[in-house]
Amino acid sequence: MLVDDFLNHRVEPDVIESVGQSLAESFAALEPDLILTAEASGIPPALACASALGIPMVYAKKYLGTGDRYSFAREVTSPTKGVEYRVEVARRVLPPGLRLVIVDDFLARGRTAEALGEIATEAGCDVLGFGFAIEKCWQSGRDRLERHGWIVHSVVELVSIEENAAVIRDRS
């Protein structure tokens, strides 16, 4: 089964609700004000987490090329698509002083997540941590985020893929 079949193309509500609940439990004690994500596939887990916490969610919009919008923005290269795009958050929806958690579907190399963290910091927000539905541990995204001192939580940690089967880290 492909992840596209339940997480980020076809979205299974029970799976997303479970992911959102797990992420919410990881960050509830930090009392965030907002969940931040990037469009498009980050929206379902971020919305589920925000719903479980009873707080709003904002998503950064992706644009090809530059623009003349009043926003916080960063350039990001997509490792899967091989194109450079811009993630932007309108300044009016990210006022300073917010305590926020950044949520996305995947953590691989961590560049989009890092860009969102930089945007939030530039906006004067307090980044409480990052939550992901699935982490590809061999692609060093966690290291990239932890170098900033950010907390990272992943619902599922894929250690490797062997013979078309995922090897998952057992945290029990």
N, C-alpha and C. Protein backbone atom coordinates (compact mmCIF):
# COMPACT_ATOMS: atom_id res chain seq x y z
N MET A 1 0.85 -1.19 0.00
CA MET A 1 0.00 0.00 0.00
C MET A 1 0.89 1.24 0.00
N LEU A 2 0.56 2.21 -0.80
CA LEU A 2 1.28 3.47 -0.87
C LEU A 2 0.70 4.47 0.13
N VAL A 3 1.56 5.34 0.64
CA VAL A 3 1.11 6.40 1.55
C VAL A 3 0.06 7.28 0.86
N ASP A 4 0.21 7.44 -0.45
CA ASP A 4 -0.79 8.19 -1.22
C ASP A 4 -2.20 7.63 -1.07
N ASP A 5 -2.30 6.37 -0.70
CA ASP A 5 -3.61 5.71 -0.61
C ASP A 5 -4.37 6.02 0.68
N PHE A 6 -3.69 6.67 1.66
CA PHE A 6 -4.40 6.96 2.91
C PHE A 6 -4.03 8.27 3.57
N LEU A 7 -2.91 8.92 3.15
CA LEU A 7 -2.44 10.09 3.87
C LEU A 7 -2.44 11.38 3.06
N ASN A 8 -1.90 11.34 1.85
CA ASN A 8 -1.68 12.62 1.18
C ASN A 8 -2.13 12.69 -0.28
N HIS A 9 -2.96 11.80 -0.70
CA HIS A 9 -3.63 11.94 -1.99
C HIS A 9 -5.10 11.57 -1.74
N ARG A 10 -5.31 10.31 -1.45
CA ARG A 10 -6.59 9.91 -0.85
C ARG A 10 -6.37 10.04 0.66
N VAL A 11 -7.29 10.68 1.33
CA VAL A 11 -7.15 10.92 2.76
C VAL A 11 -8.20 10.11 3.51
N GLU A 12 -7.73 9.21 4.37
CA GLU A 12 -8.62 8.40 5.20
C GLU A 12 -8.86 9.13 6.51
N PRO A 13 -10.09 9.57 6.78
CA PRO A 13 -10.37 10.35 7.98
C PRO A 13 -9.93 9.69 9.28
N ASP A 14 -10.11 8.38 9.42
CA ASP A 14 -9.72 7.71 10.67
C ASP A 14 -8.21 7.76 10.88
N VAL A 15 -7.44 7.60 9.80
CA VAL A 15 -5.98 7.66 9.90
C VAL A 15 -5.56 9.08 10.27
N ILE A 16 -6.11 10.06 9.58
CA ILE A 16 -5.74 11.46 9.84
C ILE A 16 -6.14 11.87 11.25
N GLU A 17 -7.30 11.45 11.69
CA GLU A 17 -7.74 11.78 13.05
C GLU A 17 -6.78 11.19 14.07
N SER A 18 -6.34 9.97 13.85
CA SER A 18 -5.40 9.32 14.76
C SER A 18 -4.05 10.04 14.77
N VAL A 19 -3.56 10.41 13.60
CA VAL A 19 -2.31 11.17 13.50
C VAL A 19 -2.45 12.50 14.23
N GLY A 20 -3.54 13.22 13.97
CA GLY A 20 -3.77 14.50 14.63
C GLY A 20 -3.84 14.38 16.13
N GLN A 21 -4.49 13.34 16.62
CA GLN A 21 -4.61 13.12 18.07
C GLN A 21 -3.24 12.83 18.68
N SER A 22 -2.45 12.01 18.02
CA SER A 22 -1.11 11.69 18.52
C SER A 22 -0.24 12.94 18.59
N LEU A 23 -0.28 13.75 17.53
CA LEU A 23 0.51 14.98 17.53
C LEU A 23 0.01 15.96 18.58
N ALA A 24 -1.30 16.06 18.73
CA ALA A 24 -1.88 16.95 19.74
C ALA A 24 -1.43 16.54 21.14
N GLU A 25 -1.43 15.25 21.42
CA GLU A 25 -0.98 14.77 22.73
C GLU A 25 0.48 15.11 22.98
N SER A 26 1.28 15.10 21.93
CA SER A 26 2.71 15.41 22.07
C SER A 26 2.96 16.87 22.42
N PHE A 27 2.06 17.76 21.98
CA PHE A 27 2.31 19.19 22.15
C PHE A 27 1.32 19.91 23.06
N ALA A 28 0.30 19.23 23.55
CA ALA A 28 -0.74 19.88 24.35
C ALA A 28 -0.18 20.60 25.57
N ALA A 29 0.75 19.99 26.27
CA ALA A 29 1.30 20.59 27.49
C ALA A 29 2.05 21.90 27.21
N LEU A 30 2.47 22.10 25.97
CA LEU A 30 3.18 23.34 25.60
C LEU A 30 2.22 24.49 25.32
N GLU A 31 0.93 24.18 25.25
CA GLU A 31 -0.14 25.15 25.05
C GLU A 31 0.06 26.05 23.83
N PRO A 32 0.12 25.45 22.63
CA PRO A 32 0.26 26.27 21.42
C PRO A 32 -1.01 27.07 21.14
N ASP A 33 -0.83 28.19 20.42
CA ASP A 33 -1.95 29.03 19.99
C ASP A 33 -2.37 28.71 18.56
N LEU A 34 -1.47 28.09 17.78
CA LEU A 34 -1.68 27.94 16.34
C LEU A 34 -0.88 26.76 15.81
N ILE A 35 -1.41 26.13 14.77
CA ILE A 35 -0.67 25.12 14.00
C ILE A 35 -0.35 25.75 12.65
N LEU A 36 0.89 25.60 12.22
CA LEU A 36 1.34 26.11 10.92
C LEU A 36 1.78 24.93 10.06
N THR A 37 1.42 24.96 8.78
CA THR A 37 1.82 23.92 7.84
C THR A 37 2.03 24.53 6.47
N ALA A 38 2.35 23.68 5.50
CA ALA A 38 2.49 24.11 4.11
C ALA A 38 1.45 23.38 3.28
N GLU A 39 0.93 24.08 2.25
CA GLU A 39 -0.01 23.38 1.36
C GLU A 39 0.77 22.38 0.53
N ALA A 40 0.22 21.37 0.07
CA ALA A 40 -1.14 20.93 0.19
C ALA A 40 -1.22 19.72 1.13
N SER A 41 -0.24 18.81 1.04
CA SER A 41 -0.40 17.56 1.79
C SER A 41 -0.19 17.71 3.28
N GLY A 42 0.29 18.84 3.75
CA GLY A 42 0.40 19.06 5.19
C GLY A 42 -0.92 19.45 5.82
N ILE A 43 -1.87 19.87 5.00
CA ILE A 43 -3.13 20.38 5.55
C ILE A 43 -3.92 19.32 6.33
N PRO A 44 -4.12 18.11 5.81
CA PRO A 44 -4.92 17.15 6.61
C PRO A 44 -4.35 16.85 8.00
N PRO A 45 -3.06 16.49 8.15
CA PRO A 45 -2.60 16.22 9.51
C PRO A 45 -2.57 17.47 10.39
N ALA A 46 -2.27 18.62 9.79
CA ALA A 46 -2.24 19.86 10.56
C ALA A 46 -3.64 20.23 11.05
N LEU A 47 -4.62 20.09 10.19
CA LEU A 47 -5.99 20.41 10.57
C LEU A 47 -6.49 19.45 11.65
N ALA A 48 -6.15 18.16 11.52
CA ALA A 48 -6.55 17.19 12.54
C ALA A 48 -5.91 17.50 13.88
N CYS A 49 -4.66 17.91 13.88
CA CYS A 49 -3.96 18.28 15.11
C CYS A 49 -4.59 19.54 15.71
N ALA A 50 -4.82 20.54 14.88
CA ALA A 50 -5.44 21.78 15.35
C ALA A 50 -6.82 21.51 15.93
N SER A 51 -7.59 20.66 15.28
CA SER A 51 -8.92 20.32 15.76
C SER A 51 -8.84 19.64 17.13
N ALA A 52 -7.91 18.70 17.27
CA ALA A 52 -7.75 17.99 18.54
C ALA A 52 -7.33 18.94 19.66
N LEU A 53 -6.58 19.98 19.32
CA LEU A 53 -6.14 20.96 20.32
C LEU A 53 -7.14 22.09 20.51
N GLY A 54 -8.09 22.22 19.58
CA GLY A 54 -9.07 23.31 19.65
C GLY A 54 -8.48 24.67 19.34
N ILE A 55 -7.52 24.69 18.38
CA ILE A 55 -6.87 25.94 18.00
C ILE A 55 -6.90 26.08 16.48
N PRO A 56 -6.64 27.28 15.96
CA PRO A 56 -6.65 27.46 14.50
C PRO A 56 -5.40 26.91 13.82
N MET A 57 -5.49 26.79 12.51
CA MET A 57 -4.40 26.34 11.67
C MET A 57 -4.22 27.36 10.54
N VAL A 58 -2.97 27.61 10.18
CA VAL A 58 -2.63 28.45 9.03
C VAL A 58 -1.74 27.62 8.12
N TYR A 59 -1.97 27.74 6.81
CA TYR A 59 -1.05 27.05 5.91
C TYR A 59 -0.34 28.05 5.02
N ALA A 60 0.96 27.79 4.83
CA ALA A 60 1.77 28.58 3.91
C ALA A 60 1.40 28.17 2.50
N LYS A 61 1.24 29.17 1.65
CA LYS A 61 0.93 28.90 0.25
C LYS A 61 2.23 28.73 -0.53
N LYS A 62 2.18 27.86 -1.54
CA LYS A 62 3.34 27.62 -2.38
C LYS A 62 3.15 28.33 -3.72
N TYR A 63 4.20 29.01 -4.15
CA TYR A 63 4.18 29.71 -5.43
C TYR A 63 5.45 29.37 -6.19
N LEU A 64 5.35 29.28 -7.51
CA LEU A 64 6.54 29.17 -8.34
C LEU A 64 7.00 30.58 -8.63
N GLY A 65 8.28 30.83 -8.47
CA GLY A 65 8.81 32.16 -8.72
C GLY A 65 8.54 33.11 -7.58
N THR A 66 8.81 34.38 -7.84
CA THR A 66 8.65 35.40 -6.80
C THR A 66 7.33 36.11 -6.97
N GLY A 67 7.01 36.91 -5.99
CA GLY A 67 5.77 37.67 -6.05
C GLY A 67 5.94 38.97 -5.32
N ASP A 68 4.92 39.77 -5.37
CA ASP A 68 4.95 41.07 -4.72
C ASP A 68 3.86 41.12 -3.67
N ARG A 69 3.83 40.11 -2.80
CA ARG A 69 2.81 40.02 -1.77
C ARG A 69 3.41 40.42 -0.44
N TYR A 70 2.59 40.96 0.45
CA TYR A 70 3.03 41.36 1.78
C TYR A 70 3.01 40.12 2.67
N SER A 71 4.14 39.40 2.66
CA SER A 71 4.16 38.11 3.35
C SER A 71 5.55 37.82 3.89
N PHE A 72 5.60 36.81 4.75
CA PHE A 72 6.86 36.21 5.14
C PHE A 72 7.09 35.08 4.15
N ALA A 73 8.31 34.94 3.63
CA ALA A 73 8.53 33.95 2.56
C ALA A 73 9.93 33.37 2.62
N ARG A 74 10.05 32.16 2.08
CA ARG A 74 11.34 31.49 1.91
C ARG A 74 11.30 30.69 0.62
N GLU A 75 12.48 30.56 -0.01
CA GLU A 75 12.62 29.72 -1.19
C GLU A 75 12.99 28.30 -0.74
N VAL A 76 12.36 27.31 -1.36
CA VAL A 76 12.60 25.92 -1.02
C VAL A 76 12.72 25.12 -2.31
N THR A 77 13.65 24.16 -2.33
CA THR A 77 13.76 23.26 -3.47
C THR A 77 13.09 21.95 -3.10
N SER A 78 12.19 21.50 -3.93
CA SER A 78 11.49 20.24 -3.69
C SER A 78 12.38 19.08 -4.12
N PRO A 79 12.73 18.18 -3.17
CA PRO A 79 13.56 17.04 -3.55
C PRO A 79 12.80 16.04 -4.43
N THR A 80 11.49 15.97 -4.29
CA THR A 80 10.73 15.01 -5.08
C THR A 80 10.40 15.53 -6.46
N LYS A 81 10.14 16.84 -6.57
CA LYS A 81 9.76 17.41 -7.87
C LYS A 81 10.92 18.09 -8.59
N GLY A 82 11.99 18.40 -7.84
CA GLY A 82 13.16 19.01 -8.45
C GLY A 82 12.97 20.45 -8.90
N VAL A 83 11.98 21.14 -8.35
CA VAL A 83 11.75 22.55 -8.70
C VAL A 83 11.89 23.42 -7.46
N GLU A 84 12.21 24.68 -7.70
CA GLU A 84 12.26 25.63 -6.59
C GLU A 84 10.92 26.34 -6.50
N TYR A 85 10.43 26.47 -5.29
CA TYR A 85 9.18 27.18 -5.07
C TYR A 85 9.33 28.06 -3.85
N ARG A 86 8.36 28.87 -3.64
CA ARG A 86 8.36 29.83 -2.55
C ARG A 86 7.22 29.49 -1.61
N VAL A 87 7.49 29.40 -0.29
CA VAL A 87 6.42 29.23 0.69
C VAL A 87 6.21 30.59 1.33
N GLU A 88 4.92 30.99 1.42
CA GLU A 88 4.59 32.32 1.93
C GLU A 88 3.43 32.25 2.90
N VAL A 89 3.53 33.09 3.91
CA VAL A 89 2.45 33.26 4.88
C VAL A 89 2.15 34.75 4.96
N ALA A 90 0.90 35.11 4.74
CA ALA A 90 0.52 36.53 4.83
C ALA A 90 0.83 37.05 6.23
N ARG A 91 1.40 38.21 6.30
CA ARG A 91 1.80 38.79 7.60
C ARG A 91 0.61 38.96 8.53
N ARG A 92 -0.56 39.23 8.00
CA ARG A 92 -1.73 39.50 8.85
C ARG A 92 -2.20 38.26 9.61
N VAL A 93 -1.85 37.04 9.13
CA VAL A 93 -2.32 35.83 9.80
C VAL A 93 -1.26 35.22 10.74
N LEU A 94 -0.11 35.88 10.84
CA LEU A 94 0.96 35.39 11.70
C LEU A 94 1.51 36.53 12.56
N PRO A 95 0.68 37.04 13.49
CA PRO A 95 1.13 38.16 14.32
C PRO A 95 2.20 37.71 15.32
N PRO A 96 3.08 38.63 15.72
CA PRO A 96 4.13 38.28 16.68
C PRO A 96 3.52 37.84 18.02
N GLY A 97 4.29 36.99 18.70
CA GLY A 97 3.88 36.55 20.03
C GLY A 97 3.13 35.23 20.06
N LEU A 98 2.74 34.71 18.90
CA LEU A 98 2.04 33.42 18.88
C LEU A 98 2.99 32.30 19.27
N ARG A 99 2.44 31.33 19.95
CA ARG A 99 3.15 30.09 20.28
C ARG A 99 2.62 29.03 19.31
N LEU A 100 3.50 28.52 18.45
CA LEU A 100 2.98 27.63 17.41
C LEU A 100 3.77 26.35 17.25
N VAL A 101 3.08 25.38 16.67
CA VAL A 101 3.66 24.09 16.31
C VAL A 101 3.53 23.95 14.80
N ILE A 102 4.57 23.46 14.17
CA ILE A 102 4.57 23.25 12.73
C ILE A 102 4.33 21.76 12.48
N VAL A 103 3.34 21.46 11.65
CA VAL A 103 2.94 20.07 11.37
C VAL A 103 2.96 19.84 9.86
N ASP A 104 3.44 18.67 9.47
CA ASP A 104 3.45 18.30 8.05
C ASP A 104 3.26 16.80 7.92
N ASP A 105 3.03 16.34 6.69
CA ASP A 105 2.82 14.91 6.50
C ASP A 105 4.13 14.13 6.59
N PHE A 106 5.20 14.62 5.95
CA PHE A 106 6.47 13.92 5.92
C PHE A 106 7.60 14.79 6.42
N LEU A 107 8.56 14.17 7.08
CA LEU A 107 9.86 14.80 7.34
C LEU A 107 10.88 13.96 6.59
N ALA A 108 11.52 14.58 5.61
CA ALA A 108 12.58 13.91 4.86
C ALA A 108 13.86 14.72 5.09
N ARG A 109 14.17 15.62 4.20
CA ARG A 109 15.37 16.46 4.37
C ARG A 109 15.11 17.67 5.26
N GLY A 110 13.85 18.01 5.46
CA GLY A 110 13.50 19.05 6.43
C GLY A 110 13.56 20.47 5.93
N ARG A 111 13.77 20.68 4.65
CA ARG A 111 13.94 22.05 4.16
C ARG A 111 12.64 22.85 4.22
N THR A 112 11.50 22.27 3.86
CA THR A 112 10.24 23.01 3.96
C THR A 112 9.91 23.31 5.41
N ALA A 113 10.09 22.32 6.28
CA ALA A 113 9.84 22.54 7.71
C ALA A 113 10.75 23.63 8.26
N GLU A 114 12.02 23.59 7.89
CA GLU A 114 12.96 24.61 8.35
C GLU A 114 12.53 25.99 7.86
N ALA A 115 12.09 26.08 6.60
CA ALA A 115 11.63 27.35 6.05
C ALA A 115 10.44 27.88 6.85
N LEU A 116 9.51 26.99 7.22
CA LEU A 116 8.36 27.43 8.03
C LEU A 116 8.81 27.89 9.41
N GLY A 117 9.77 27.20 9.99
CA GLY A 117 10.31 27.63 11.28
C GLY A 117 10.97 28.99 11.19
N GLU A 118 11.71 29.22 10.12
CA GLU A 118 12.36 30.52 9.91
C GLU A 118 11.32 31.62 9.71
N ILE A 119 10.26 31.32 8.96
CA ILE A 119 9.18 32.29 8.75
C ILE A 119 8.54 32.65 10.09
N ALA A 120 8.24 31.63 10.89
CA ALA A 120 7.60 31.87 12.19
C ALA A 120 8.50 32.70 13.09
N THR A 121 9.79 32.40 13.10
CA THR A 121 10.74 33.15 13.91
C THR A 121 10.83 34.60 13.43
N GLU A 122 10.90 34.79 12.13
CA GLU A 122 10.93 36.14 11.56
C GLU A 122 9.67 36.93 11.94
N ALA A 123 8.55 36.24 12.02
CA ALA A 123 7.29 36.89 12.38
C ALA A 123 7.22 37.24 13.87
N GLY A 124 8.18 36.76 14.64
CA GLY A 124 8.18 37.04 16.08
C GLY A 124 7.38 36.01 16.88
N CYS A 125 7.17 34.85 16.29
CA CYS A 125 6.45 33.78 16.97
C CYS A 125 7.43 32.85 17.69
N ASP A 126 6.92 32.11 18.64
CA ASP A 126 7.69 31.13 19.38
C ASP A 126 7.40 29.75 18.80
N VAL A 127 8.40 29.13 18.18
CA VAL A 127 8.24 27.79 17.60
C VAL A 127 8.42 26.78 18.73
N LEU A 128 7.32 26.12 19.10
CA LEU A 128 7.34 25.15 20.19
C LEU A 128 7.85 23.78 19.75
N GLY A 129 7.68 23.47 18.48
CA GLY A 129 8.13 22.18 17.97
C GLY A 129 7.54 21.86 16.62
N PHE A 130 7.92 20.68 16.13
CA PHE A 130 7.49 20.20 14.82
C PHE A 130 6.89 18.82 14.98
N GLY A 131 5.80 18.56 14.28
CA GLY A 131 5.17 17.25 14.30
C GLY A 131 4.95 16.74 12.89
N PHE A 132 5.22 15.46 12.69
CA PHE A 132 5.10 14.85 11.37
C PHE A 132 4.35 13.53 11.48
N ALA A 133 3.58 13.22 10.46
CA ALA A 133 2.93 11.92 10.41
C ALA A 133 3.98 10.83 10.22
N ILE A 134 4.88 11.04 9.26
CA ILE A 134 5.90 10.03 8.93
C ILE A 134 7.25 10.71 8.76
N GLU A 135 8.27 10.11 9.36
CA GLU A 135 9.64 10.60 9.22
C GLU A 135 10.49 9.56 8.50
N LYS A 136 11.21 9.99 7.48
CA LYS A 136 12.19 9.14 6.80
C LYS A 136 13.53 9.40 7.48
N CYS A 137 13.87 8.56 8.46
CA CYS A 137 15.01 8.81 9.34
C CYS A 137 16.35 8.90 8.61
N TRP A 138 16.50 8.25 7.50
CA TRP A 138 17.77 8.22 6.78
C TRP A 138 18.03 9.50 6.00
N GLN A 139 17.09 10.43 5.97
CA GLN A 139 17.28 11.63 5.16
C GLN A 139 17.65 12.87 5.96
N SER A 140 17.94 12.76 7.21
CA SER A 140 18.55 13.78 8.08
C SER A 140 17.74 15.06 8.30
N GLY A 141 16.44 15.03 8.05
CA GLY A 141 15.63 16.20 8.31
C GLY A 141 15.56 16.55 9.79
N ARG A 142 15.50 15.53 10.65
CA ARG A 142 15.47 15.76 12.09
C ARG A 142 16.72 16.54 12.53
N ASP A 143 17.88 16.14 12.03
CA ASP A 143 19.12 16.83 12.39
C ASP A 143 19.06 18.30 11.99
N ARG A 144 18.53 18.57 10.81
CA ARG A 144 18.42 19.95 10.32
C ARG A 144 17.60 20.79 11.29
N LEU A 145 16.48 20.25 11.75
CA LEU A 145 15.59 21.00 12.65
C LEU A 145 16.16 21.09 14.06
N GLU A 146 16.74 20.01 14.54
CA GLU A 146 17.29 20.03 15.90
C GLU A 146 18.51 20.94 16.03
N ARG A 147 19.21 21.21 14.93
CA ARG A 147 20.33 22.16 14.96
C ARG A 147 19.85 23.56 15.36
N HIS A 148 18.58 23.84 15.12
CA HIS A 148 17.99 25.12 15.53
C HIS A 148 17.52 25.08 16.98
N GLY A 149 17.59 23.91 17.61
CA GLY A 149 17.09 23.76 18.97
C GLY A 149 15.61 23.42 19.02
N TRP A 150 15.03 23.07 17.89
CA TRP A 150 13.60 22.77 17.82
C TRP A 150 13.32 21.32 18.20
N ILE A 151 12.21 21.10 18.87
CA ILE A 151 11.73 19.77 19.24
C ILE A 151 11.06 19.13 18.02
N VAL A 152 11.29 17.84 17.81
CA VAL A 152 10.69 17.13 16.67
C VAL A 152 9.99 15.87 17.19
N HIS A 153 8.74 15.69 16.77
CA HIS A 153 7.99 14.47 17.09
C HIS A 153 7.41 13.91 15.80
N SER A 154 7.58 12.62 15.60
CA SER A 154 7.00 11.94 14.44
C SER A 154 6.14 10.79 14.93
N VAL A 155 4.97 10.63 14.34
CA VAL A 155 4.09 9.54 14.72
C VAL A 155 4.70 8.21 14.31
N VAL A 156 5.22 8.14 13.08
CA VAL A 156 5.87 6.93 12.56
C VAL A 156 7.26 7.32 12.09
N GLU A 157 8.26 6.54 12.53
CA GLU A 157 9.63 6.76 12.10
C GLU A 157 10.06 5.59 11.22
N LEU A 158 10.25 5.86 9.94
CA LEU A 158 10.74 4.84 9.01
C LEU A 158 12.26 4.83 9.08
N VAL A 159 12.82 3.69 9.47
CA VAL A 159 14.26 3.56 9.56
C VAL A 159 14.85 3.28 8.19
N SER A 160 14.15 2.46 7.40
CA SER A 160 14.60 2.13 6.05
C SER A 160 13.46 1.47 5.30
N ILE A 161 13.70 1.25 4.03
CA ILE A 161 12.77 0.47 3.21
C ILE A 161 13.59 -0.67 2.60
N GLU A 162 13.22 -1.89 2.95
CA GLU A 162 13.95 -3.06 2.49
C GLU A 162 12.99 -4.01 1.78
N GLU A 163 13.35 -4.37 0.56
CA GLU A 163 12.52 -5.28 -0.24
C GLU A 163 11.07 -4.79 -0.31
N ASN A 164 10.92 -3.47 -0.57
CA ASN A 164 9.61 -2.81 -0.69
C ASN A 164 8.77 -2.89 0.59
N ALA A 165 9.42 -3.07 1.73
CA ALA A 165 8.71 -3.08 3.01
C ALA A 165 9.37 -2.06 3.94
N ALA A 166 8.54 -1.30 4.64
CA ALA A 166 9.04 -0.29 5.55
C ALA A 166 9.53 -0.93 6.84
N VAL A 167 10.69 -0.46 7.32
CA VAL A 167 11.21 -0.87 8.63
C VAL A 167 10.94 0.31 9.56
N ILE A 168 10.12 0.07 10.58
CA ILE A 168 9.66 1.14 11.48
C ILE A 168 10.38 1.03 12.81
N ARG A 169 10.79 2.17 13.36
CA ARG A 169 11.43 2.20 14.67
C ARG A 169 10.40 1.88 15.73
N ASP A 170 10.71 0.95 16.58
CA ASP A 170 9.83 0.57 17.68
C ASP A 170 10.23 1.36 18.93
N ARG A 171 9.35 2.23 19.39
CA ARG A 171 9.63 3.07 20.55
C ARG A 171 9.13 2.47 21.86
N SER A 172 8.61 1.23 21.83
CA SER A 172 8.07 0.64 23.06
C SER A 172 9.15 0.11 23.98
